[in-house]
């Protein structure tokens, strides 16, 4: 047993992971709970409102994933520099990250403001859904800036090992989201009844509250890094190359994955409104059962970066094996939970019998896929990314999504007209392939890359 004990991780590793992963998981859980309540509230208005919100959010999710890519790419460097205690390089990394974030936000805000109808037509041909989606977009334009800055500041704070601060800020922001969505969707407390547009307005108000707290802490209160607004204008040319080598592959990878996921949404939109509604229900359930996995994945990136920053390659390698085992175990547990709760969850919604049948099939498919997705997520988004192996991961993410998932999804859903179970299985088949791919990469040891400061 002592021979294999090092593959299971140390007590110190469990402590570090718990301190980072649990607050992140709780934060994600609260966000998913709010999303679930939003879905339930919009679901009471009918499938058109539910589909319009879900499809409009597919475009916003492209920005969300791009912004997450910018932040997660930066967090690879932030974690490593934090382990090295190189605050000068760390500040420059944050500066480059914020500039990219604001640039992406501007592009998406302009597109949403000028072409809301054209964007909705990408996802669905149904005019009622397009009209409601345009109402949602009207209030969503400023949220790109608020969402991006909040998210990326949060990732930097977490990478410094301080996951509790974003948790507290996000709890208040998410609770505000739930409250204001309820007020404006249904017209409560004297507010106008805005339905789908009310969900967007409630989210905008919540984003303002959330950024005020997270941005206030990061730019005015945090003392160890002491990053201030004036630092956005600092010179950081000497670190741009290092940042591009490590971080841009993450942005490209997550951005192209976002487009791939958007292509998947287009497939679903053309299968029919019932499939879109069923998927929006099952997506929330899937997120709910993988919150801890997401927390462990981000903890894996941070802890690996800190360990390598301290120069301990061997420990990072064996910790990587422990994280792979975490992923497999948590994926199996999540799949079993999905199997148990699928019936009660689907019956919560005011949907047709056809939509319920599709949702149940999707739940069954998710229960299998989630085992591989959990392991893949912890390795790809956590350990391997923390080791700086971002170019390899970019190839894996893009390659398998676009040569496997998207083509097979089109064939299964639009050409072969297979049952919903198999349509979803083929749409997510890249998760199985990437799981095997990442395990082999971990074993090779080639994922550990050298990083230099400014």
Protein backbone atom coordinates (compact mmCIF):
# COMPACT_ATOMS: atom_id res chain seq x y z
CA UNK A 1 0.00 0.00 0.00
CA UNK A 2 2.85 2.41 0.78
CA UNK A 3 3.98 2.05 -2.84
CA UNK A 4 0.67 3.42 -4.09
CA UNK A 5 -0.01 5.89 -1.28
CA UNK A 6 1.83 8.70 -3.06
CA UNK A 7 -0.67 8.42 -5.91
CA UNK A 8 -3.54 9.17 -3.53
CA UNK A 9 -2.22 12.54 -2.37
CA UNK A 10 -1.09 13.85 1.00
CA UNK A 11 -3.06 15.31 3.89
CA UNK A 12 -1.54 18.69 3.01
CA UNK A 13 -2.94 18.37 -0.53
CA UNK A 14 -6.43 17.60 0.78
CA UNK A 15 -6.29 20.65 3.05
CA UNK A 16 -5.18 22.97 0.26
CA UNK A 17 -7.79 21.65 -2.14
CA UNK A 18 -10.55 21.91 0.47
CA UNK A 19 -9.72 25.53 1.35
CA UNK A 20 -9.89 26.54 -2.32
CA UNK A 21 -12.41 24.10 -3.82
CA UNK A 22 -15.19 24.26 -1.21
CA UNK A 23 -15.76 28.05 -1.39
CA UNK A 24 -15.64 27.85 -5.20
CA UNK A 25 -18.09 24.94 -5.18
CA UNK A 26 -20.44 26.77 -2.83
CA UNK A 27 -20.25 29.88 -5.01
CA UNK A 28 -21.06 27.81 -8.10
CA UNK A 29 -23.87 26.04 -6.24
CA UNK A 30 -25.51 29.33 -5.35
CA UNK A 31 -25.20 30.55 -8.95
CA UNK A 32 -26.73 27.33 -10.27
CA UNK A 33 -29.53 27.54 -7.73
CA UNK A 34 -30.34 31.04 -8.95
CA UNK A 35 -30.19 29.87 -12.58
CA UNK A 36 -32.50 27.01 -11.72
CA UNK A 37 -35.03 29.35 -10.12
CA UNK A 38 -34.79 31.67 -13.13
CA UNK A 39 -35.53 28.69 -15.39
CA UNK A 40 -38.49 27.69 -13.23
CA UNK A 41 -39.83 31.27 -13.21
CA UNK A 42 -39.51 31.64 -16.98
CA UNK A 43 -40.89 28.13 -17.42
CA UNK A 44 -44.18 29.26 -15.88
CA UNK A 45 -44.52 31.72 -18.79
CA UNK A 46 -44.31 28.90 -21.36
CA UNK A 47 -41.73 27.27 -23.59
CA UNK A 48 -41.29 30.31 -25.86
CA UNK A 49 -40.03 32.46 -22.97
CA UNK A 50 -37.84 29.64 -21.67
CA UNK A 51 -36.32 28.96 -25.10
CA UNK A 52 -35.76 32.68 -25.85
CA UNK A 53 -33.84 33.20 -22.61
CA UNK A 54 -31.84 29.98 -23.08
CA UNK A 55 -30.83 30.80 -26.67
CA UNK A 56 -30.02 34.47 -25.96
CA UNK A 57 -27.81 33.29 -23.14
CA UNK A 58 -25.98 31.00 -25.54
CA UNK A 59 -24.46 34.10 -27.17
CA UNK A 60 -23.72 35.71 -23.81
CA UNK A 61 -22.14 32.42 -22.78
CA UNK A 62 -19.67 32.73 -25.68
CA UNK A 63 -18.39 35.91 -24.03
CA UNK A 64 -18.56 34.31 -20.59
CA UNK A 65 -16.36 31.44 -21.77
CA UNK A 66 -13.95 33.80 -23.56
CA UNK A 67 -13.70 35.89 -20.42
CA UNK A 68 -13.19 32.74 -18.37
CA UNK A 69 -10.44 31.73 -20.80
CA UNK A 70 -8.74 35.10 -20.36
CA UNK A 71 -8.95 34.80 -16.58
CA UNK A 72 -7.99 31.12 -16.39
CA UNK A 73 -5.09 31.70 -18.76
CA UNK A 74 -3.88 34.51 -16.56
CA UNK A 75 -4.40 32.41 -13.43
CA UNK A 76 -1.77 29.93 -14.68
CA UNK A 77 0.78 32.74 -14.50
CA UNK A 78 -0.74 34.30 -11.38
CA UNK A 79 -0.52 31.00 -9.47
CA UNK A 80 3.05 30.40 -10.57
CA UNK A 81 4.17 33.97 -9.77
CA UNK A 82 2.36 33.79 -6.44
CA UNK A 83 4.31 30.62 -5.62
CA UNK A 84 7.51 32.46 -6.61
CA UNK A 85 6.35 35.60 -4.72
CA UNK A 86 7.13 37.66 -7.85
CA UNK A 87 4.61 40.49 -7.34
CA UNK A 88 5.98 42.65 -10.14
CA UNK A 89 5.31 39.99 -12.78
CA UNK A 90 1.98 39.19 -11.17
CA UNK A 91 0.78 42.78 -11.50
CA UNK A 92 1.78 42.91 -15.14
CA UNK A 93 -0.11 39.68 -15.80
CA UNK A 94 -3.26 41.16 -14.26
CA UNK A 95 -2.88 44.31 -16.38
CA UNK A 96 -2.72 42.35 -19.64
CA UNK A 97 -5.70 40.26 -18.52
CA UNK A 98 -7.89 43.28 -17.75
CA UNK A 99 -7.08 44.95 -21.06
CA UNK A 100 -8.06 41.82 -22.98
CA UNK A 101 -11.23 41.46 -20.91
CA UNK A 102 -12.40 45.01 -21.65
CA UNK A 103 -11.58 44.63 -25.35
CA UNK A 104 -13.66 41.46 -25.67
CA UNK A 105 -16.52 43.05 -23.68
CA UNK A 106 -16.62 46.01 -26.07
CA UNK A 107 -16.85 43.75 -29.14
CA UNK A 108 -19.70 41.66 -27.71
CA UNK A 109 -21.59 44.70 -26.41
CA UNK A 110 -21.51 46.37 -29.84
CA UNK A 111 -22.64 43.18 -31.61
CA UNK A 112 -25.50 42.67 -29.14
CA UNK A 113 -26.64 46.30 -29.40
CA UNK A 114 -26.55 46.47 -33.20
CA UNK A 115 -27.55 42.97 -34.32
CA UNK A 116 -29.85 41.33 -31.72
CA UNK A 117 -32.27 39.89 -34.27
CA UNK A 118 -29.53 38.50 -36.49
CA UNK A 119 -27.89 36.83 -33.49
CA UNK A 120 -31.15 35.16 -32.44
CA UNK A 121 -31.75 33.91 -36.01
CA UNK A 122 -28.46 32.02 -35.79
CA UNK A 123 -30.03 29.83 -33.11
CA UNK A 124 -33.66 29.50 -34.15
CA UNK A 125 -36.02 30.25 -37.08
CA UNK A 126 -39.05 30.68 -34.78
CA UNK A 127 -40.20 34.32 -34.83
CA UNK A 128 -41.79 34.37 -31.36
CA UNK A 129 -38.57 33.11 -29.79
CA UNK A 130 -36.52 35.64 -31.79
CA UNK A 131 -38.72 38.53 -30.63
CA UNK A 132 -38.48 37.57 -26.96
CA UNK A 133 -34.74 37.02 -27.30
CA UNK A 134 -34.31 40.54 -28.68
CA UNK A 135 -36.12 41.89 -25.61
CA UNK A 136 -33.65 39.99 -23.43
CA UNK A 137 -30.65 41.35 -25.36
CA UNK A 138 -31.79 44.97 -24.94
CA UNK A 139 -30.98 44.90 -21.21
CA UNK A 140 -27.92 42.69 -21.54
CA UNK A 141 -25.50 45.07 -23.31
CA UNK A 142 -23.80 46.54 -20.17
CA UNK A 143 -23.55 43.13 -18.48
CA UNK A 144 -20.56 42.11 -20.61
CA UNK A 145 -18.27 44.64 -18.92
CA UNK A 146 -19.57 43.88 -15.43
CA UNK A 147 -19.51 40.12 -15.90
CA UNK A 148 -16.03 40.03 -17.41
CA UNK A 149 -14.38 42.25 -14.81
CA UNK A 150 -16.07 40.48 -11.89
CA UNK A 151 -15.12 37.07 -13.23
CA UNK A 152 -11.48 37.87 -13.97
CA UNK A 153 -10.91 39.72 -10.70
CA UNK A 154 -12.43 36.73 -8.92
CA UNK A 155 -10.05 34.31 -10.66
CA UNK A 156 -7.01 36.39 -9.67
CA UNK A 157 -8.14 36.55 -6.04
CA UNK A 158 -8.69 32.78 -6.02
CA UNK A 159 -5.28 32.16 -7.59
CA UNK A 160 -3.74 33.94 -4.62
CA UNK A 161 -5.46 31.39 -2.39
CA UNK A 162 -8.25 33.69 -1.16
CA UNK A 163 -11.43 31.99 -2.28
CA UNK A 164 -13.65 33.24 0.58
CA UNK A 165 -13.74 36.88 -0.55
CA UNK A 166 -15.35 36.18 -3.97
CA UNK A 167 -17.71 33.75 -2.26
CA UNK A 168 -19.14 36.42 0.06
CA UNK A 169 -19.45 38.94 -2.79
CA UNK A 170 -21.09 36.44 -5.09
CA UNK A 171 -23.60 35.29 -2.47
CA UNK A 172 -24.96 38.83 -2.24
CA UNK A 173 -24.84 39.26 -6.02
CA UNK A 174 -26.62 35.99 -6.71
CA UNK A 175 -29.30 36.61 -4.12
CA UNK A 176 -29.87 40.03 -5.70
CA UNK A 177 -30.21 38.32 -9.08
CA UNK A 178 -32.90 36.01 -7.76
CA UNK A 179 -34.82 38.84 -6.07
CA UNK A 180 -34.76 41.31 -8.97
CA UNK A 181 -35.57 38.64 -11.55
CA UNK A 182 -38.65 37.72 -9.52
CA UNK A 183 -39.65 41.39 -9.23
CA UNK A 184 -39.31 42.26 -12.92
CA UNK A 185 -40.36 38.97 -14.53
CA UNK A 186 -43.71 38.96 -12.70
CA UNK A 187 -44.11 42.68 -11.91
CA UNK A 188 -44.02 42.46 -8.12
CA UNK A 189 -43.83 45.29 -5.54
CA UNK A 190 -45.15 47.85 -8.03
CA UNK A 191 -42.60 47.08 -10.75
CA UNK A 192 -43.75 46.56 -14.37
CA UNK A 193 -44.32 42.97 -15.53
CA UNK A 194 -41.52 42.52 -18.09
CA UNK A 195 -41.35 38.70 -18.41
CA UNK A 196 -38.27 37.70 -20.48
CA UNK A 197 -36.87 41.26 -20.51
CA UNK A 198 -37.34 41.34 -16.73
CA UNK A 199 -34.95 38.40 -16.36
CA UNK A 200 -32.28 40.37 -18.24
CA UNK A 201 -32.89 43.54 -16.20
CA UNK A 202 -32.73 41.61 -12.93
CA UNK A 203 -29.44 40.06 -14.01
CA UNK A 204 -28.03 43.49 -14.96
CA UNK A 205 -28.84 44.94 -11.53
CA UNK A 206 -27.26 41.92 -9.84
CA UNK A 207 -24.10 42.28 -11.96
CA UNK A 208 -23.78 45.93 -10.86
CA UNK A 209 -24.03 44.90 -7.21
CA UNK A 210 -21.59 42.00 -7.62
CA UNK A 211 -18.94 44.05 -9.44
CA UNK A 212 -19.22 46.90 -6.93
CA UNK A 213 -18.19 44.47 -4.18
CA UNK A 214 -15.58 42.34 -5.98
CA UNK A 215 -14.07 45.30 -7.85
CA UNK A 216 -14.15 47.41 -4.69
CA UNK A 217 -12.16 44.79 -2.78
CA UNK A 218 -9.69 44.07 -5.58
CA UNK A 219 -8.92 47.67 -6.60
CA UNK A 220 -9.16 49.44 -3.22
CA UNK A 221 -8.78 47.01 -0.29
CA UNK A 222 -6.55 44.00 -1.15
CA UNK A 223 -3.06 44.72 0.23
CA UNK A 224 -0.75 41.80 -0.58
CA UNK A 225 -0.76 42.40 -4.34
CA UNK A 226 -2.08 45.97 -3.91
CA UNK A 227 -3.31 46.26 -7.50
CA UNK A 228 -4.95 49.63 -8.11
CA UNK A 229 -6.86 51.19 -11.03
CA UNK A 230 -3.81 53.21 -12.11
CA UNK A 231 -1.92 49.94 -12.67
CA UNK A 232 -4.11 49.20 -15.71
CA UNK A 233 -1.95 51.78 -17.52
CA UNK A 234 1.41 50.36 -16.40
CA UNK A 235 4.00 49.18 -18.94
CA UNK A 236 4.07 45.42 -19.32
CA UNK A 237 5.67 44.86 -22.74
CA UNK A 238 8.37 42.59 -21.30
CA UNK A 239 5.75 40.06 -20.13
CA UNK A 240 3.47 40.11 -23.17
CA UNK A 241 5.31 37.28 -24.95
CA UNK A 242 5.20 35.03 -21.87
CA UNK A 243 1.52 35.85 -21.39
CA UNK A 244 0.71 35.10 -25.02
CA UNK A 245 2.53 31.76 -24.97
CA UNK A 246 0.67 30.55 -21.87
CA UNK A 247 -2.63 32.42 -21.84
CA UNK A 248 -3.69 32.99 -25.44
CA UNK A 249 -4.03 29.24 -26.16
CA UNK A 250 -6.49 29.12 -23.25
CA UNK A 251 -8.46 32.05 -24.71
CA UNK A 252 -8.43 30.48 -28.19
CA UNK A 253 -9.34 27.06 -26.80
CA UNK A 254 -12.20 28.33 -24.64
CA UNK A 255 -13.35 30.74 -27.36
CA UNK A 256 -13.52 28.03 -30.03
CA UNK A 257 -15.16 25.71 -27.54
CA UNK A 258 -17.75 28.44 -26.92
CA UNK A 259 -18.39 28.64 -30.65
CA UNK A 260 -18.63 24.85 -30.75
CA UNK A 261 -21.12 24.87 -27.89
CA UNK A 262 -23.00 27.58 -29.75
CA UNK A 263 -23.03 25.34 -32.83
CA UNK A 264 -24.47 22.59 -30.63
CA UNK A 265 -27.18 25.07 -29.53
CA UNK A 266 -27.94 25.74 -33.20
CA UNK A 267 -28.38 22.00 -33.75
CA UNK A 268 -30.74 21.81 -30.78
CA UNK A 269 -32.64 24.90 -31.92
CA UNK A 270 -33.31 23.25 -35.27
CA UNK A 271 -34.39 19.97 -33.71
CA UNK A 272 -37.20 21.91 -32.01
CA UNK A 273 -38.30 24.06 -29.08
CA UNK A 274 -39.03 20.97 -27.00
CA UNK A 275 -35.41 19.82 -27.25
CA UNK A 276 -34.11 23.30 -26.34
CA UNK A 277 -36.40 23.50 -23.31
CA UNK A 278 -35.46 19.98 -22.20
CA UNK A 279 -31.76 20.77 -22.53
CA UNK A 280 -32.07 23.98 -20.50
CA UNK A 281 -33.62 21.92 -17.68
CA UNK A 282 -30.99 19.18 -17.80
CA UNK A 283 -28.12 21.66 -18.08
CA UNK A 284 -28.98 23.16 -14.70
CA UNK A 285 -29.14 19.67 -13.17
CA UNK A 286 -25.79 18.75 -14.68
CA UNK A 287 -24.21 21.92 -13.32
CA UNK A 288 -25.74 21.26 -9.92
CA UNK A 289 -24.14 17.82 -9.66
CA UNK A 290 -20.70 18.99 -10.83
CA UNK A 291 -20.15 22.06 -8.65
CA UNK A 292 -17.55 20.28 -6.53
CA UNK A 293 -15.79 19.01 -9.64
CA UNK A 294 -15.48 22.57 -10.93
CA UNK A 295 -14.12 23.69 -7.59
CA UNK A 296 -11.54 20.90 -7.53
CA UNK A 297 -10.56 21.68 -11.14
CA UNK A 298 -9.80 25.31 -10.29
CA UNK A 299 -8.07 24.22 -7.09
CA UNK A 300 -5.97 21.82 -9.19
CA UNK A 301 -4.79 24.67 -11.41
CA UNK A 302 -3.97 26.91 -8.45
CA UNK A 303 -2.28 24.26 -6.27
CA UNK A 304 -0.26 22.90 -9.20
CA UNK A 305 0.88 26.42 -10.08
CA UNK A 306 1.94 27.10 -6.49
CA UNK A 307 3.81 23.78 -6.25
CA UNK A 308 5.68 24.31 -9.51
CA UNK A 309 6.38 27.93 -8.53
CA UNK A 310 8.19 26.50 -5.50
CA UNK A 311 10.19 24.21 -7.82
CA UNK A 312 8.79 20.80 -6.76
CA UNK A 313 8.10 18.96 -10.05
CA UNK A 314 7.89 15.47 -8.54
CA UNK A 315 5.22 16.48 -6.04
CA UNK A 316 3.23 18.16 -8.81
CA UNK A 317 3.33 14.94 -10.86
CA UNK A 318 2.05 12.70 -8.06
CA UNK A 319 -0.55 15.28 -7.03
CA UNK A 320 -1.73 15.11 -10.65
CA UNK A 321 -2.45 11.39 -10.27
CA UNK A 322 -4.41 12.11 -7.09
CA UNK A 323 -6.49 14.72 -8.92
CA UNK A 324 -7.25 12.20 -11.69
CA UNK A 325 -8.60 9.79 -9.08
CA UNK A 326 -10.65 12.62 -7.55
CA UNK A 327 -12.22 13.22 -10.96
CA UNK A 328 -13.16 9.61 -11.54
CA UNK A 329 -14.74 9.18 -8.10
CA UNK A 330 -16.63 12.48 -8.20
CA UNK A 331 -17.85 11.78 -11.73
CA UNK A 332 -19.26 8.41 -10.69
CA UNK A 333 -21.02 9.97 -7.70
CA UNK A 334 -22.42 12.79 -9.85
CA UNK A 335 -23.73 10.31 -12.44
CA UNK A 336 -25.50 8.31 -9.76
CA UNK A 337 -27.09 11.48 -8.33
CA UNK A 338 -28.34 12.51 -11.79
CA UNK A 339 -29.90 9.07 -12.19
CA UNK A 340 -31.69 9.39 -8.83
CA UNK A 341 -33.05 12.94 -9.14
CA UNK A 342 -33.90 13.06 -12.85
CA UNK A 343 -37.59 12.23 -12.40
CA UNK A 344 -38.38 14.70 -9.58
CA UNK A 345 -36.42 17.49 -11.30
CA UNK A 346 -38.16 17.13 -14.67
CA UNK A 347 -41.59 17.00 -13.01
CA UNK A 348 -40.92 20.40 -11.36
CA UNK A 349 -41.41 22.17 -14.69
CA UNK A 350 -44.59 23.20 -16.48
CA UNK A 351 -43.74 21.54 -19.81
CA UNK A 352 -45.40 19.18 -22.28
CA UNK A 353 -45.17 15.39 -22.07
CA UNK A 354 -42.99 15.36 -25.19
CA UNK A 355 -40.51 17.75 -23.57
CA UNK A 356 -40.52 15.67 -20.37
CA UNK A 357 -39.71 12.53 -22.36
CA UNK A 358 -36.80 14.26 -24.09
CA UNK A 359 -35.54 15.65 -20.76
CA UNK A 360 -35.55 12.18 -19.19
CA UNK A 361 -33.56 10.75 -22.11
CA UNK A 362 -31.03 13.57 -21.80
CA UNK A 363 -30.71 12.88 -18.07
CA UNK A 364 -29.85 9.24 -18.77
CA UNK A 365 -27.18 10.26 -21.26
CA UNK A 366 -25.73 12.82 -18.85
CA UNK A 367 -25.42 10.19 -16.11
CA UNK A 368 -22.90 8.35 -18.29
CA UNK A 369 -21.08 11.28 -19.90
CA UNK A 370 -20.54 13.07 -16.60
CA UNK A 371 -18.12 10.39 -15.36
CA UNK A 372 -15.69 11.15 -18.19
CA UNK A 373 -16.43 14.88 -18.13
CA UNK A 374 -15.50 15.13 -14.46
CA UNK A 375 -12.12 13.45 -14.91
CA UNK A 376 -11.40 15.41 -18.06
CA UNK A 377 -12.37 18.72 -16.42
CA UNK A 378 -10.11 18.26 -13.39
CA UNK A 379 -7.14 17.31 -15.56
CA UNK A 380 -7.61 19.70 -18.50
CA UNK A 381 -8.94 22.76 -16.67
CA UNK A 382 -6.95 22.04 -13.53
CA UNK A 383 -3.70 20.09 -13.33
CA UNK A 384 -2.46 20.25 -16.93
CA UNK A 385 -3.43 23.89 -17.28
CA UNK A 386 -1.70 24.69 -13.99
CA UNK A 387 1.44 23.07 -15.43
CA UNK A 388 1.39 25.52 -18.33
CA UNK A 389 0.49 22.90 -20.96
CA UNK A 390 -2.03 25.21 -22.58
CA UNK A 391 -1.12 24.71 -26.25
CA UNK A 392 -1.59 20.96 -26.00
CA UNK A 393 -4.95 21.47 -24.31
CA UNK A 394 -6.01 23.95 -26.98
CA UNK A 395 -5.43 21.32 -29.68
CA UNK A 396 -7.35 18.68 -27.70
CA UNK A 397 -10.30 20.97 -26.94
CA UNK A 398 -10.73 22.26 -30.47
CA UNK A 399 -9.88 19.07 -32.34
CA UNK A 400 -12.30 16.68 -30.65
CA UNK A 401 -15.16 19.18 -30.40
CA UNK A 402 -15.08 20.07 -34.08
CA UNK A 403 -14.16 16.73 -35.66
CA UNK A 404 -16.29 14.55 -33.38
CA UNK A 405 -19.00 16.27 -31.34
CA UNK A 406 -20.33 18.85 -33.80
CA UNK A 407 -20.40 16.60 -36.93
CA UNK A 408 -21.83 13.61 -35.03
CA UNK A 409 -24.38 15.89 -33.35
CA UNK A 410 -25.54 17.16 -36.75
CA UNK A 411 -25.79 13.63 -38.13
CA UNK A 412 -27.55 12.22 -35.06
CA UNK A 413 -30.04 15.07 -34.62
CA UNK A 414 -30.73 16.42 -38.10
CA UNK A 415 -29.91 13.58 -40.50
CA UNK A 416 -30.41 10.27 -38.68
CA UNK A 417 -33.12 11.65 -36.29
CA UNK A 418 -31.93 9.40 -33.48
CA UNK A 419 -33.59 9.39 -30.02
CA UNK A 420 -32.63 12.27 -27.74
CA UNK A 421 -30.37 9.99 -25.63
CA UNK A 422 -28.07 9.29 -28.57
CA UNK A 423 -28.19 12.84 -29.94
CA UNK A 424 -26.86 14.14 -26.62
CA UNK A 425 -24.35 11.27 -26.30
CA UNK A 426 -22.80 12.09 -29.67
CA UNK A 427 -22.87 15.83 -28.98
CA UNK A 428 -20.80 15.20 -25.83
CA UNK A 429 -18.58 12.39 -27.14
CA UNK A 430 -15.55 14.70 -27.08
CA UNK A 431 -15.62 14.43 -23.27
CA UNK A 432 -14.88 10.69 -23.47
CA UNK A 433 -12.08 11.14 -25.99
CA UNK A 434 -10.47 14.00 -24.06
CA UNK A 435 -10.59 12.03 -20.83
CA UNK A 436 -8.35 9.32 -22.29
CA UNK A 437 -6.17 11.93 -24.03
CA UNK A 438 -5.55 13.87 -20.78
CA UNK A 439 -4.70 10.77 -18.71
CA UNK A 440 -2.06 9.77 -21.26
CA UNK A 441 -0.66 13.30 -21.24
CA UNK A 442 -0.47 13.32 -17.43
CA UNK A 443 1.49 10.06 -17.42
CA UNK A 444 4.00 11.40 -19.96
CA UNK A 445 5.15 14.21 -17.64
CA UNK A 446 5.48 16.53 -20.65
CA UNK A 447 2.73 18.80 -19.32
CA UNK A 448 5.07 20.64 -16.92
CA UNK A 449 6.34 23.79 -18.64
CA UNK A 450 8.94 26.32 -17.46
CA UNK A 451 7.68 29.88 -16.85
CA UNK A 452 9.90 32.95 -16.44
CA UNK A 453 8.98 36.24 -14.83
CA UNK A 454 9.36 39.76 -16.19
